[in-house]
Amino acid sequence: MITRFHAPFQPSLPKRIVCLTEETTETLYLLGVDDLIVGISGFTVRPKEARKTKPKVSTYLDANIDQILALKPDVVFAWSDLQADICAALMRAGVEVIGFNHRSVEGILSMILRLGALVGKSDAAETLVGNLQQRLNNAQELALARSHKPRIYFEEWYEPLISGICWVSELIELCGGVDIFAENRVYPDAKRRIIADPAEVIRRKPDIIIASWCGKMFKPERLRAREGWNTIPAVQHNQLFEIPSPIILQPGPAALTEGVERLCGIIDQWEHAQDLNARDSTF
């Protein structure tokens, strides 16, 4: 028998949420509904209070299905095809799963809007997206005024070498840099962003190298020791930087806030050095 609704139907909103990656956790905190979160990824570092107060139920590729089920979530939020097996196991157990699969700046903003709608915070999500867009616009305006545009190599992994994912490449350009492997950002998977020949980085002569080794500490000496890399301008002028992965490799607010700030700061520093060199050469 079909239920007849005599008043406008109001769908129920989730009251218990598990987040398998950090970006949905951070977004829900920013939307003011962190009380709905009952479980998080063990890789979560933003915000700090989440790591201190919420049960950790997963890594990135693995999850404690029994622990998640014991939390009785109304919905589980996941990200990317890499978590497909976890999602399938939860769905077979009767849990509702929503898997985001975005890879671009536009995708991050869209995720925030959709997440806001799912938890009844559409207005707050629109405000958050508006604020993030304004920050991006400000960074872009500064970039357009730059007198120099550095060639940048972003390294997501070191063995094998993997170039930056789409939103990282987009943010490098937005902040005034030139991603030397921009052609790779069309690939959503890391496998197709592998740089098979390390000498290709040498040939492309980056002015700046930025590393974010997916949770591992960047070791500049390891990079400098690569065969022939001492000829790269970034290595010669010590323009080697790290942006921690929770900041730049999280497809959520962190990349658009602190990630952009770090990128702009690195490019600012390099540009200042270029201006000083140009001035000195005139004397």
Protein backbone atom coordinates (compact mmCIF):
# COMPACT_ATOMS: atom_id res chain seq x y z
CA MET A 1 0.00 0.00 0.00
CA ILE A 2 1.31 3.45 -0.91
CA THR A 3 1.44 5.93 1.97
CA ARG A 4 -0.55 9.08 1.33
CA PHE A 5 1.02 12.33 2.54
CA HIS A 6 -1.52 15.01 3.48
CA ALA A 7 1.15 17.64 4.18
CA PRO A 8 4.32 18.57 2.28
CA PHE A 9 6.75 15.69 2.70
CA GLN A 10 9.76 16.55 4.85
CA PRO A 11 12.62 14.08 4.38
CA SER A 12 14.46 13.16 7.55
CA LEU A 13 17.99 14.47 7.92
CA PRO A 14 20.88 12.31 9.12
CA LYS A 15 21.57 12.41 12.84
CA ARG A 16 24.54 10.04 12.92
CA ILE A 17 27.29 10.42 10.31
CA VAL A 18 30.54 8.58 9.66
CA CYS A 19 33.17 10.33 7.51
CA LEU A 20 35.76 8.07 5.89
CA THR A 21 37.93 10.98 4.74
CA GLU A 22 38.92 14.28 6.24
CA GLU A 23 37.33 16.81 3.90
CA THR A 24 33.73 15.95 4.81
CA THR A 25 34.64 16.08 8.50
CA GLU A 26 36.19 19.53 8.17
CA THR A 27 33.27 20.77 6.10
CA LEU A 28 30.68 19.56 8.61
CA TYR A 29 32.57 21.36 11.38
CA LEU A 30 32.59 24.54 9.30
CA LEU A 31 28.84 24.16 8.75
CA GLY A 32 28.30 23.90 12.50
CA VAL A 33 26.96 20.33 12.56
CA ASP A 34 29.95 18.49 13.98
CA ASP A 35 27.66 17.02 16.65
CA LEU A 36 26.28 14.74 13.92
CA ILE A 37 29.65 13.05 13.36
CA VAL A 38 30.03 9.74 15.21
CA GLY A 39 33.10 8.35 13.40
CA ILE A 40 36.03 9.64 11.36
CA SER A 41 39.11 8.58 9.41
CA GLY A 42 42.24 7.92 11.44
CA PHE A 43 44.07 10.21 9.00
CA THR A 44 41.99 13.20 10.12
CA VAL A 45 44.03 16.11 11.47
CA ARG A 46 41.68 18.97 10.62
CA PRO A 47 40.11 20.22 12.75
CA LYS A 48 42.21 19.20 15.74
CA GLU A 49 39.19 18.74 18.00
CA ALA A 50 37.79 16.08 15.67
CA ARG A 51 40.84 13.89 16.12
CA LYS A 52 40.63 14.34 19.88
CA THR A 53 36.93 13.65 20.31
CA LYS A 54 35.63 11.41 17.50
CA PRO A 55 36.09 7.61 17.20
CA LYS A 56 38.49 6.63 14.42
CA VAL A 57 37.00 3.90 12.27
CA SER A 58 39.09 3.80 9.09
CA THR A 59 42.37 4.52 7.40
CA TYR A 60 42.16 5.44 3.75
CA LEU A 61 41.88 2.08 2.03
CA ASP A 62 40.60 0.07 4.99
CA ALA A 63 37.82 0.43 7.52
CA ASN A 64 36.57 -1.40 10.59
CA ILE A 65 33.17 -2.40 9.23
CA ASP A 66 31.97 -3.89 12.53
CA GLN A 67 32.92 -0.72 14.42
CA ILE A 68 31.10 1.43 11.88
CA LEU A 69 27.99 -0.74 12.09
CA ALA A 70 28.10 -0.52 15.90
CA LEU A 71 27.90 3.27 15.61
CA LYS A 72 24.56 2.89 13.78
CA PRO A 73 25.18 5.66 11.22
CA ASP A 74 22.34 7.07 9.17
CA VAL A 75 24.83 7.74 6.40
CA VAL A 76 28.52 7.25 5.63
CA PHE A 77 30.42 9.77 3.51
CA ALA A 78 33.31 8.47 1.41
CA TRP A 79 35.60 9.81 -1.30
CA SER A 80 36.85 8.35 -4.55
CA ASP A 81 36.82 4.98 -6.25
CA LEU A 82 39.69 3.94 -3.97
CA GLN A 83 37.13 3.47 -1.20
CA ALA A 84 34.73 1.50 -3.41
CA ASP A 85 35.33 -1.80 -1.60
CA ILE A 86 34.60 -0.21 1.78
CA CYS A 87 31.45 1.38 0.38
CA ALA A 88 30.30 -1.92 -1.11
CA ALA A 89 30.78 -3.76 2.20
CA LEU A 90 28.80 -1.13 4.07
CA MET A 91 26.03 -1.10 1.48
CA ARG A 92 25.74 -4.89 1.64
CA ALA A 93 25.33 -4.47 5.40
CA GLY A 94 22.41 -2.11 4.80
CA VAL A 95 24.17 1.21 5.41
CA GLU A 96 23.45 4.23 3.21
CA VAL A 97 26.69 5.43 1.64
CA ILE A 98 27.32 8.61 -0.32
CA GLY A 99 30.59 8.60 -2.22
CA PHE A 100 31.99 11.85 -3.56
CA ASN A 101 34.42 11.50 -6.44
CA HIS A 102 35.54 15.03 -7.28
CA ARG A 103 39.04 15.96 -8.41
CA SER A 104 38.85 19.68 -9.26
CA VAL A 105 38.42 23.03 -7.50
CA GLU A 106 34.91 23.24 -8.94
CA GLY A 107 34.29 19.74 -7.62
CA ILE A 108 35.37 20.75 -4.11
CA LEU A 109 32.95 23.67 -4.08
CA SER A 110 30.18 21.48 -5.46
CA MET A 111 30.84 18.87 -2.77
CA ILE A 112 30.42 21.51 -0.06
CA LEU A 113 27.08 22.62 -1.48
CA ARG A 114 25.78 19.07 -1.81
CA LEU A 115 26.98 18.12 1.65
CA GLY A 116 25.27 21.18 3.10
CA ALA A 117 22.00 20.20 1.44
CA LEU A 118 22.25 16.64 2.78
CA VAL A 119 22.48 17.86 6.39
CA GLY A 120 19.97 20.69 6.10
CA LYS A 121 22.58 23.45 6.00
CA SER A 122 22.21 24.74 2.45
CA ASP A 123 22.37 28.41 3.45
CA ALA A 124 25.51 27.89 5.53
CA ALA A 125 27.09 25.91 2.69
CA GLU A 126 26.34 28.67 0.18
CA THR A 127 27.90 31.21 2.53
CA LEU A 128 30.98 29.03 2.98
CA VAL A 129 31.36 28.53 -0.77
CA GLY A 130 30.96 32.27 -1.34
CA ASN A 131 33.74 32.99 1.16
CA LEU A 132 36.01 30.38 -0.42
CA GLN A 133 35.37 31.77 -3.90
CA GLN A 134 36.25 35.25 -2.69
CA ARG A 135 39.56 33.96 -1.28
CA LEU A 136 40.29 32.27 -4.60
CA ASN A 137 39.44 35.45 -6.48
CA ASN A 138 41.79 37.45 -4.24
CA ALA A 139 44.62 34.99 -4.86
CA GLN A 140 43.98 35.12 -8.60
CA GLU A 141 44.05 38.91 -8.64
CA LEU A 142 47.45 38.86 -6.94
CA ALA A 143 48.63 36.26 -9.43
CA LEU A 144 47.62 38.40 -12.40
CA ALA A 145 49.79 41.21 -11.05
CA ARG A 146 52.91 39.04 -10.79
CA SER A 147 55.89 40.10 -12.87
CA HIS A 148 57.25 36.54 -13.01
CA LYS A 149 55.53 33.16 -13.28
CA PRO A 150 57.64 30.32 -11.90
CA ARG A 151 57.66 26.88 -13.44
CA ILE A 152 56.56 24.51 -10.69
CA TYR A 153 56.95 20.77 -10.27
CA PHE A 154 54.55 19.33 -7.69
CA GLU A 155 55.47 15.85 -6.48
CA GLU A 156 52.69 13.81 -4.91
CA TRP A 157 54.85 10.71 -4.47
CA TYR A 158 58.51 9.87 -4.89
CA GLU A 159 58.74 6.20 -5.86
CA PRO A 160 57.57 6.22 -8.58
CA LEU A 161 57.37 9.95 -9.22
CA ILE A 162 53.75 11.11 -9.36
CA SER A 163 52.70 14.62 -10.40
CA GLY A 164 49.90 16.62 -8.77
CA ILE A 165 46.20 15.82 -8.92
CA CYS A 166 43.82 18.14 -10.79
CA TRP A 167 42.87 20.58 -8.02
CA VAL A 168 46.54 21.02 -7.05
CA SER A 169 47.47 21.81 -10.64
CA GLU A 170 44.58 24.28 -10.88
CA LEU A 171 45.59 26.01 -7.65
CA ILE A 172 49.21 26.33 -8.78
CA GLU A 173 48.02 28.21 -11.86
CA LEU A 174 45.48 30.26 -9.89
CA CYS A 175 48.27 31.42 -7.55
CA GLY A 176 50.48 32.50 -10.44
CA GLY A 177 52.62 29.48 -11.19
CA VAL A 178 53.02 27.23 -14.22
CA ASP A 179 52.48 23.54 -13.52
CA ILE A 180 55.09 21.80 -15.66
CA PHE A 181 53.00 18.62 -15.77
CA ALA A 182 49.62 20.27 -16.23
CA GLU A 183 48.73 17.76 -18.95
CA ASN A 184 48.56 15.02 -16.29
CA ARG A 185 45.75 16.60 -14.33
CA VAL A 186 43.12 15.15 -16.64
CA TYR A 187 43.84 11.76 -15.07
CA PRO A 188 41.86 11.11 -11.87
CA ASP A 189 44.05 8.17 -10.86
CA ALA A 190 47.64 8.42 -9.64
CA LYS A 191 48.78 5.56 -11.89
CA ARG A 192 48.39 7.65 -15.03
CA ARG A 193 50.16 10.60 -13.42
CA ILE A 194 53.35 8.60 -12.95
CA ILE A 195 56.43 10.27 -14.48
CA ALA A 196 58.13 7.24 -15.98
CA ASP A 197 61.39 9.03 -16.76
CA PRO A 198 62.74 11.21 -13.89
CA ALA A 199 64.93 12.97 -16.43
CA GLU A 200 61.78 14.55 -17.83
CA VAL A 201 61.65 16.75 -14.72
CA ILE A 202 65.21 17.85 -15.48
CA ARG A 203 64.27 18.70 -19.05
CA ARG A 204 61.32 20.82 -17.94
CA LYS A 205 63.52 22.94 -15.63
CA PRO A 206 61.22 23.83 -12.73
CA ASP A 207 62.05 26.98 -10.79
CA ILE A 208 60.23 25.61 -7.73
CA ILE A 209 59.68 22.07 -6.49
CA ILE A 210 56.86 21.42 -4.03
CA ALA A 211 56.51 18.01 -2.42
CA SER A 212 53.57 16.49 -0.59
CA TRP A 213 54.36 12.86 -0.06
CA CYS A 214 50.92 11.56 0.98
CA GLY A 215 51.53 11.51 4.72
CA LYS A 216 55.31 10.99 4.64
CA MET A 217 57.78 13.71 5.58
CA PHE A 218 59.53 15.33 2.64
CA LYS A 219 63.31 14.82 2.65
CA PRO A 220 65.04 17.39 0.42
CA GLU A 221 68.35 15.55 0.56
CA ARG A 222 66.69 12.53 -1.01
CA LEU A 223 65.50 14.68 -3.88
CA ARG A 224 68.85 16.42 -4.34
CA ALA A 225 70.57 13.03 -4.60
CA ARG A 226 68.63 12.03 -7.72
CA GLU A 227 70.83 11.62 -10.74
CA GLY A 228 71.18 14.86 -12.69
CA TRP A 229 68.75 16.80 -10.53
CA ASN A 230 71.52 19.13 -9.32
CA THR A 231 71.14 20.92 -12.67
CA ILE A 232 67.50 21.84 -12.02
CA PRO A 233 67.08 25.57 -11.20
CA ALA A 234 64.88 24.78 -8.18
CA VAL A 235 67.59 22.54 -6.73
CA GLN A 236 70.43 24.94 -7.54
CA HIS A 237 68.64 27.83 -5.82
CA ASN A 238 67.22 25.75 -2.95
CA GLN A 239 63.63 26.39 -3.97
CA LEU A 240 62.43 23.11 -2.44
CA PHE A 241 59.29 23.20 -0.33
CA GLU A 242 56.85 20.92 1.40
CA ILE A 243 53.12 21.42 1.84
CA PRO A 244 51.75 18.72 4.17
CA SER A 245 49.24 16.41 2.53
CA PRO A 246 46.36 17.18 4.95
CA ILE A 247 46.53 20.75 3.66
CA ILE A 248 46.94 20.37 -0.09
CA LEU A 249 45.92 16.79 -0.92
CA GLN A 250 42.61 16.94 0.92
CA PRO A 251 39.83 17.63 -1.62
CA GLY A 252 38.03 20.03 0.67
CA PRO A 253 38.25 23.44 2.35
CA ALA A 254 41.87 23.04 3.51
CA ALA A 255 43.23 23.08 -0.04
CA LEU A 256 41.31 26.25 -0.86
CA THR A 257 42.37 28.09 2.30
CA GLU A 258 45.69 27.12 3.83
CA GLY A 259 46.74 25.31 0.65
CA VAL A 260 46.31 28.48 -1.39
CA GLU A 261 48.07 30.54 1.30
CA ARG A 262 51.07 28.20 1.24
CA LEU A 263 51.26 28.20 -2.55
CA CYS A 264 51.02 31.99 -2.73
CA GLY A 265 53.64 32.36 -0.01
CA ILE A 266 56.08 30.09 -1.85
CA ILE A 267 55.59 31.93 -5.13
CA ASP A 268 55.84 35.31 -3.36
CA GLN A 269 59.20 34.30 -1.89
CA TRP A 270 60.52 33.13 -5.25
CA GLU A 271 59.25 36.27 -7.03
CA HIS A 272 60.89 38.51 -4.42
CA ALA A 273 64.20 36.76 -5.07
CA GLN A 274 63.79 37.35 -8.81
CA ASP A 275 63.15 41.05 -8.23
CA LEU A 276 66.24 41.33 -6.04
CA ASN A 277 68.39 39.58 -8.66
CA ALA A 278 67.04 41.86 -11.37
CA ARG A 279 67.77 44.94 -9.28
CA ASP A 280 71.29 43.76 -8.42
CA SER A 281 72.06 43.10 -12.06
CA THR A 282 71.41 46.74 -12.90
CA PHE A 283 74.19 47.95 -10.63
